C-alpha cells in the first residue's frame, strides 16, 4: 500500500470507528479509498470520505 495522505490520516484519527473499518478493508479497497483521498480537493471531501467508511 502506498503512503497514506497525512490529511486523510488526521481525519481517520478523529474517528476511531472509521479507522477500524478502514483497517478491516481488503487491500484493493484500501487502495481505492486512498486514491479518492489523494484526489480530494478539500478537508470537507476527506471528512465525507471518512464518514462513508
C-alpha atoms as a PDB file:
ATOM      1  CA  UNK A   1       0.000   0.000   0.000  1.00  0.00           C
ATOM      2  CA  UNK A   2       1.286   3.467  -0.888  1.00  0.00           C
ATOM      3  CA  UNK A   3       1.838   6.068   1.778  1.00  0.00           C
ATOM      4  CA  UNK A   4      -1.361   7.387   3.303  1.00  0.00           C
ATOM      5  CA  UNK A   5      -2.012  11.118   2.774  1.00  0.00           C
ATOM      6  CA  UNK A   6      -1.480  12.916   6.088  1.00  0.00           C
ATOM      7  CA  UNK A   7      -4.721  14.851   5.825  1.00  0.00           C
ATOM      8  CA  UNK A   8      -6.653  11.594   5.379  1.00  0.00           C
ATOM      9  CA  UNK A   9      -4.813  10.081   8.332  1.00  0.00           C
ATOM     10  CA  UNK A  10      -5.759  13.077  10.503  1.00  0.00           C
ATOM     11  CA  UNK A  11      -9.420  12.676   9.533  1.00  0.00           C
ATOM     12  CA  UNK A  12      -9.269   8.974  10.369  1.00  0.00           C
ATOM     13  CA  UNK A  13      -7.602   9.737  13.707  1.00  0.00           C
ATOM     14  CA  UNK A  14     -10.606  11.873  14.668  1.00  0.00           C
ATOM     15  CA  UNK A  15     -12.941   8.912  14.084  1.00  0.00           C
ATOM     16  CA  UNK A  16     -11.628   5.715  15.729  1.00  0.00           C
ATOM     17  CA  UNK A  17     -14.543   3.636  14.416  1.00  0.00           C
ATOM     18  CA  UNK A  18     -13.835   4.729  10.840  1.00  0.00           C
ATOM     19  CA  UNK A  19     -10.173   3.896  11.395  1.00  0.00           C
ATOM     20  CA  UNK A  20     -11.147   0.374  12.479  1.00  0.00           C
ATOM     21  CA  UNK A  21     -13.396  -0.015   9.444  1.00  0.00           C
ATOM     22  CA  UNK A  22     -10.630   1.212   7.137  1.00  0.00           C
ATOM     23  CA  UNK A  23      -8.128  -1.202   8.686  1.00  0.00           C
ATOM     24  CA  UNK A  24     -10.539  -4.097   8.086  1.00  0.00           C
ATOM     25  CA  UNK A  25     -10.962  -3.345   4.361  1.00  0.00           C
ATOM     26  CA  UNK A  26      -9.329  -5.624   1.783  1.00  0.00           C
ATOM     27  CA  UNK A  27      -6.093  -4.158   0.383  1.00  0.00           C
ATOM     28  CA  UNK A  28      -7.625  -3.396  -3.011  1.00  0.00           C
ATOM     29  CA  UNK A  29     -10.448  -1.414  -1.448  1.00  0.00           C
ATOM     30  CA  UNK A  30      -7.977   0.446   0.772  1.00  0.00           C
ATOM     31  CA  UNK A  31      -6.039   1.446  -2.345  1.00  0.00           C
ATOM     32  CA  UNK A  32      -9.251   2.731  -3.946  1.00  0.00           C
ATOM     33  CA  UNK A  33     -10.065   4.779  -0.849  1.00  0.00           C
ATOM     34  CA  UNK A  34      -6.524   6.169  -0.729  1.00  0.00           C
ATOM     35  CA  UNK A  35      -6.773   7.165  -4.389  1.00  0.00           C
ATOM     36  CA  UNK A  36     -10.001   9.000  -3.607  1.00  0.00           C
ATOM     37  CA  UNK A  37      -8.324  10.685  -0.626  1.00  0.00           C
ATOM     38  CA  UNK A  38      -5.411  11.808  -2.799  1.00  0.00           C
ATOM     39  CA  UNK A  39      -7.884  13.335  -5.242  1.00  0.00           C
ATOM     40  CA  UNK A  40      -9.855  15.190  -2.581  1.00  0.00           C
ATOM     41  CA  UNK A  41      -9.715  18.935  -3.028  1.00  0.00           C
ATOM     42  CA  UNK A  42     -10.830  19.970   0.448  1.00  0.00           C
ATOM     43  CA  UNK A  43     -10.966  18.846   4.038  1.00  0.00           C
ATOM     44  CA  UNK A  44     -14.735  18.546   3.700  1.00  0.00           C
ATOM     45  CA  UNK A  45     -14.259  15.989   0.905  1.00  0.00           C
ATOM     46  CA  UNK A  46     -11.862  14.000   3.091  1.00  0.00           C
ATOM     47  CA  UNK A  47     -14.251  14.104   6.037  1.00  0.00           C
ATOM     48  CA  UNK A  48     -17.073  12.881   3.789  1.00  0.00           C
ATOM     49  CA  UNK A  49     -14.871  10.037   2.578  1.00  0.00           C
ATOM     50  CA  UNK A  50     -14.146   9.020   6.179  1.00  0.00           C
ATOM     51  CA  UNK A  51     -17.856   9.158   7.070  1.00  0.00           C
ATOM     52  CA  UNK A  52     -18.591   6.808   4.155  1.00  0.00           C
ATOM     53  CA  UNK A  53     -16.317   4.103   5.586  1.00  0.00           C
END
